[in-house]
Amino acid sequence: MDMDLKFAQFLLTDCGTEVALDLLEKQAILEVEVMTWVGRQKQEMVESHSKIIILCFCGMCAKWQVLLGQGAPVQLCCDHGKPMVDLFMVSMNMILLDFKRPACFSTYVVCYFCETSSKGDVLTCSYTLMDRLKEVYFHIQDLEMFQLGHMHCVGELLGDNYLCSPGDRHLCATLNMFWDWQAHYPDWFKHENLCPADDQDAPSLDEDMFEESLLPSGTGIIKQMPRSVNLGPRPAWQ
């Protein structure tokens, strides 16, 4: 499913946040090789003080254990025959040491969709989407949501306003599709990992839906400006 693509679209159109996504850079990755592309992206993120979002799904912890040398190899049927190696494994291998350095923690935003994943699929402390969306936004922007007597907010993310946006409707539709798919195939990751690559009856997540533009033609990224809300005087404690 293309939930990561739809989430990137939501960040672009509704949150005014620039996004670099490997699914839209396949040709560039093939031209410079995977390790080079991933290395460049990480270096650019560090130099620009940007954030790296790790979106967790079922099976992520299994792959993480492989990187730590504590789990059995993971080979997904949907990746068989593709020209690129598993970008997740390459990327996580490159940032593995950062998880041992507390100074690097603020660079990463770990989150997951509660409708399709659980805490058992998550690597470390994380945000649940979409109920903690505002916290994710302020973390990405390096902004404080609360200050003495004030709370900063973005109109599009205030309350359930984001539910009215086209970007969120597309994201919700994709989440619902994946939720239904998982209901029919609750052991999909096990089958994807263990079945032969030529097994046509095995459920597959392989889709060719990643070439669409994230932004409508003729539009640009409109950065959202947080506004301050007065919380009123603090109560006097006796």
Protein backbone atom coordinates (compact mmCIF):
# COMPACT_ATOMS: atom_id res chain seq x y z
CA MET A 1 0.00 0.00 0.00
CA ASP A 2 1.13 3.60 -0.47
CA MET A 3 0.50 4.96 3.04
CA ASP A 4 3.98 6.46 3.25
CA LEU A 5 3.32 8.27 -0.03
CA LYS A 6 -0.06 9.56 1.16
CA PHE A 7 1.43 10.65 4.48
CA ALA A 8 4.16 12.53 2.62
CA GLN A 9 1.47 14.18 0.51
CA PHE A 10 -0.38 15.21 3.66
CA LEU A 11 2.78 16.72 5.17
CA LEU A 12 3.37 18.68 1.97
CA THR A 13 -0.10 19.97 1.26
CA ASP A 14 -1.63 20.32 4.73
CA CYS A 15 1.41 20.97 6.92
CA GLY A 16 3.56 22.95 4.48
CA THR A 17 6.53 20.67 5.15
CA GLU A 18 9.11 19.76 2.52
CA VAL A 19 9.55 16.02 2.08
CA ALA A 20 12.25 13.87 0.48
CA LEU A 21 10.86 10.42 -0.31
CA ASP A 22 12.71 7.49 -1.84
CA LEU A 23 9.58 6.26 -3.66
CA LEU A 24 9.69 9.36 -5.84
CA GLU A 25 13.44 9.21 -6.44
CA LYS A 26 13.79 5.73 -7.92
CA GLN A 27 15.57 6.89 -11.08
CA ALA A 28 17.99 9.09 -9.14
CA ILE A 29 18.72 6.21 -6.76
CA LEU A 30 19.48 3.86 -9.65
CA GLU A 31 21.84 6.41 -11.18
CA VAL A 32 24.01 6.96 -8.08
CA GLU A 33 23.43 3.64 -6.24
CA VAL A 34 21.46 3.15 -3.06
CA MET A 35 24.18 3.71 -0.45
CA THR A 36 25.27 6.97 -2.09
CA TRP A 37 21.71 8.33 -2.30
CA VAL A 38 20.85 7.40 1.28
CA GLY A 39 24.13 8.85 2.53
CA ARG A 40 23.49 12.14 0.72
CA GLN A 41 19.99 12.40 2.09
CA LYS A 42 21.14 11.82 5.65
CA GLN A 43 23.96 14.34 5.31
CA GLU A 44 21.58 16.95 3.92
CA MET A 45 19.14 16.36 6.77
CA VAL A 46 21.86 16.76 9.38
CA GLU A 47 23.35 19.89 7.79
CA SER A 48 19.95 21.57 7.42
CA HIS A 49 18.81 20.50 10.92
CA SER A 50 15.86 18.71 9.35
CA LYS A 51 14.12 15.61 10.68
CA ILE A 52 14.11 12.01 9.54
CA ILE A 53 10.71 10.37 9.95
CA ILE A 54 10.65 6.63 10.62
CA LEU A 55 7.16 5.37 9.84
CA CYS A 56 6.74 1.98 11.53
CA PHE A 57 4.69 -0.91 10.14
CA CYS A 58 4.24 -4.60 10.78
CA GLY A 59 7.53 -6.45 10.28
CA MET A 60 9.80 -3.51 11.03
CA CYS A 61 11.00 -4.99 14.32
CA ALA A 62 11.83 -8.27 12.54
CA LYS A 63 14.07 -6.37 10.12
CA TRP A 64 15.55 -4.36 12.98
CA GLN A 65 16.52 -7.58 14.77
CA VAL A 66 18.30 -8.71 11.60
CA LEU A 67 20.38 -5.53 11.66
CA LEU A 68 21.27 -6.19 15.29
CA GLY A 69 22.33 -9.73 14.37
CA GLN A 70 19.62 -11.23 16.57
CA GLY A 71 17.01 -12.41 14.07
CA ALA A 72 16.52 -14.68 11.08
CA PRO A 73 16.99 -13.13 7.61
CA VAL A 74 13.94 -11.41 6.13
CA GLN A 75 13.25 -11.77 2.42
CA LEU A 76 9.91 -10.40 1.25
CA CYS A 77 8.30 -11.79 -1.87
CA CYS A 78 7.19 -8.34 -2.99
CA ASP A 79 10.85 -7.23 -3.18
CA HIS A 80 11.96 -10.18 -5.29
CA GLY A 81 13.29 -9.19 -8.70
CA LYS A 82 13.29 -5.44 -8.04
CA PRO A 83 16.35 -3.53 -9.28
CA MET A 84 16.86 -1.83 -5.89
CA VAL A 85 17.77 -3.51 -2.62
CA ASP A 86 15.65 -3.09 0.48
CA LEU A 87 15.95 0.65 1.12
CA PHE A 88 14.65 0.29 4.64
CA MET A 89 17.48 -2.08 5.60
CA VAL A 90 20.09 0.15 3.95
CA SER A 91 18.74 3.29 5.63
CA MET A 92 18.41 1.73 9.07
CA ASN A 93 21.89 0.24 8.84
CA MET A 94 23.23 3.74 8.14
CA ILE A 95 21.50 5.32 11.14
CA LEU A 96 21.93 2.37 13.53
CA LEU A 97 24.71 4.03 15.51
CA ASP A 98 22.64 7.20 15.98
CA PHE A 99 20.25 5.28 18.23
CA LYS A 100 23.12 4.82 20.65
CA ARG A 101 23.84 8.57 20.79
CA PRO A 102 21.33 10.59 22.84
CA ALA A 103 22.46 13.78 21.10
CA CYS A 104 21.05 12.41 17.83
CA PHE A 105 17.60 11.51 19.14
CA SER A 106 16.01 14.85 18.24
CA THR A 107 16.85 14.25 14.56
CA TYR A 108 14.41 11.35 14.34
CA VAL A 109 10.62 11.29 14.53
CA VAL A 110 9.30 7.76 15.04
CA CYS A 111 5.57 7.27 14.49
CA TYR A 112 2.99 4.69 13.44
CA PHE A 113 -0.66 4.50 12.41
CA CYS A 114 -2.63 3.02 15.30
CA GLU A 115 -5.25 1.65 12.87
CA THR A 116 -2.79 -0.65 11.11
CA SER A 117 0.07 -1.17 13.58
CA SER A 118 0.68 -1.64 17.27
CA LYS A 119 3.46 -0.82 19.73
CA GLY A 120 4.88 -4.26 18.99
CA ASP A 121 5.76 -2.98 15.51
CA VAL A 122 7.61 0.08 16.83
CA LEU A 123 11.32 0.44 17.47
CA THR A 124 11.35 2.97 20.30
CA CYS A 125 9.32 5.81 21.84
CA SER A 126 6.96 7.00 19.15
CA TYR A 127 3.97 9.11 18.17
CA THR A 128 0.65 7.54 17.24
CA LEU A 129 -0.99 8.95 14.13
CA MET A 130 -3.20 10.80 13.65
CA ASP A 131 -4.10 11.61 17.28
CA ARG A 132 -0.66 13.05 18.04
CA LEU A 133 -0.27 14.78 14.70
CA LYS A 134 0.19 18.23 16.24
CA GLU A 135 3.11 16.98 18.35
CA VAL A 136 4.69 15.44 15.25
CA TYR A 137 4.32 18.73 13.38
CA PHE A 138 5.97 20.79 16.12
CA HIS A 139 8.75 18.23 16.50
CA ILE A 140 9.47 18.40 12.77
CA GLN A 141 9.48 22.20 12.83
CA ASP A 142 11.60 22.41 16.03
CA LEU A 143 8.95 24.59 17.66
CA GLU A 144 7.59 24.60 21.18
CA MET A 145 3.85 24.02 21.36
CA PHE A 146 3.51 25.41 24.89
CA GLN A 147 5.03 28.48 26.45
CA LEU A 148 4.18 30.25 29.68
CA GLY A 149 0.54 31.25 29.38
CA HIS A 150 0.35 30.50 25.65
CA MET A 151 -0.15 27.57 23.30
CA HIS A 152 0.96 27.66 19.67
CA CYS A 153 -1.26 25.99 17.11
CA VAL A 154 -1.78 25.68 13.36
CA GLY A 155 -5.30 26.27 12.11
CA GLU A 156 -5.24 23.31 9.74
CA LEU A 157 -4.25 21.01 12.64
CA LEU A 158 -6.51 22.55 15.27
CA GLY A 159 -8.93 19.97 16.63
CA ASP A 160 -10.16 17.79 13.78
CA ASN A 161 -9.72 20.45 11.07
CA TYR A 162 -7.29 18.23 9.20
CA LEU A 163 -10.11 15.74 8.62
CA CYS A 164 -11.65 18.22 6.17
CA SER A 165 -8.60 18.42 3.96
CA PRO A 166 -8.20 16.51 0.66
CA GLY A 167 -4.79 15.26 1.79
CA ASP A 168 -6.20 13.65 4.91
CA ARG A 169 -9.15 12.14 3.06
CA HIS A 170 -6.75 10.42 0.66
CA LEU A 171 -4.63 9.21 3.56
CA CYS A 172 -7.67 7.92 5.48
CA ALA A 173 -8.95 6.10 2.40
CA THR A 174 -5.60 4.33 2.02
CA LEU A 175 -5.50 3.45 5.72
CA ASN A 176 -8.99 1.96 5.49
CA MET A 177 -7.98 -0.10 2.47
CA PHE A 178 -4.94 -1.45 4.30
CA TRP A 179 -7.00 -2.12 7.45
CA ASP A 180 -9.47 -4.18 5.39
CA TRP A 181 -6.61 -6.00 3.66
CA GLN A 182 -5.00 -6.90 7.00
CA ALA A 183 -8.35 -8.15 8.30
CA HIS A 184 -8.42 -10.66 5.42
CA TYR A 185 -4.70 -11.52 5.70
CA PRO A 186 -3.72 -11.13 9.40
CA ASP A 187 -0.52 -13.18 8.84
CA TRP A 188 0.51 -11.34 5.68
CA PHE A 189 4.05 -10.59 6.86
CA LYS A 190 4.70 -14.23 7.69
CA HIS A 191 3.51 -15.29 4.24
CA GLU A 192 5.45 -12.53 2.52
CA ASN A 193 8.60 -13.59 4.33
CA LEU A 194 8.35 -17.35 4.02
CA CYS A 195 6.51 -18.18 0.78
CA PRO A 196 8.46 -18.85 -2.44
CA ALA A 197 8.97 -15.81 -4.64
CA ASP A 198 6.99 -17.43 -7.47
CA ASP A 199 3.96 -18.32 -5.31
CA GLN A 200 1.15 -16.53 -7.11
CA ASP A 201 -1.43 -17.32 -4.41
CA ALA A 202 0.43 -15.50 -1.65
CA PRO A 203 -0.95 -12.09 -0.68
CA SER A 204 1.32 -9.32 -1.91
CA LEU A 205 1.70 -5.65 -1.14
CA ASP A 206 3.56 -4.98 -4.37
CA GLU A 207 2.00 -1.99 -6.11
CA ASP A 208 3.04 0.42 -8.82
CA MET A 209 1.40 3.52 -7.42
CA PHE A 210 4.40 5.69 -6.63
CA GLU A 211 4.84 7.82 -9.72
CA GLU A 212 2.11 10.37 -9.02
CA SER A 213 2.97 13.96 -8.15
CA LEU A 214 2.64 14.92 -4.52
CA LEU A 215 1.51 18.43 -5.34
CA PRO A 216 -1.16 19.59 -7.77
CA SER A 217 0.24 21.18 -10.90
CA GLY A 218 1.11 24.85 -10.54
CA THR A 219 1.19 24.87 -6.74
CA GLY A 220 4.00 25.16 -4.25
CA ILE A 221 4.57 24.37 -0.62
CA ILE A 222 2.70 26.83 1.60
CA LYS A 223 4.40 26.88 4.99
CA GLN A 224 1.93 26.96 7.86
CA MET A 225 2.56 29.69 10.42
CA PRO A 226 1.70 28.76 14.02
CA ARG A 227 -0.38 31.30 15.93
CA SER A 228 -0.43 31.90 19.64
CA VAL A 229 -3.47 31.18 21.80
CA ASN A 230 -3.71 32.83 25.23
CA LEU A 231 -4.37 30.22 27.87
CA GLY A 232 -5.38 32.80 30.46
CA PRO A 233 -3.92 33.41 33.92
CA ARG A 234 -2.53 30.49 35.85
CA PRO A 235 -4.66 29.43 38.82
CA ALA A 236 -3.51 30.59 42.23
CA TRP A 237 -2.67 27.55 44.34
CA GLN A 238 -3.35 27.83 48.06
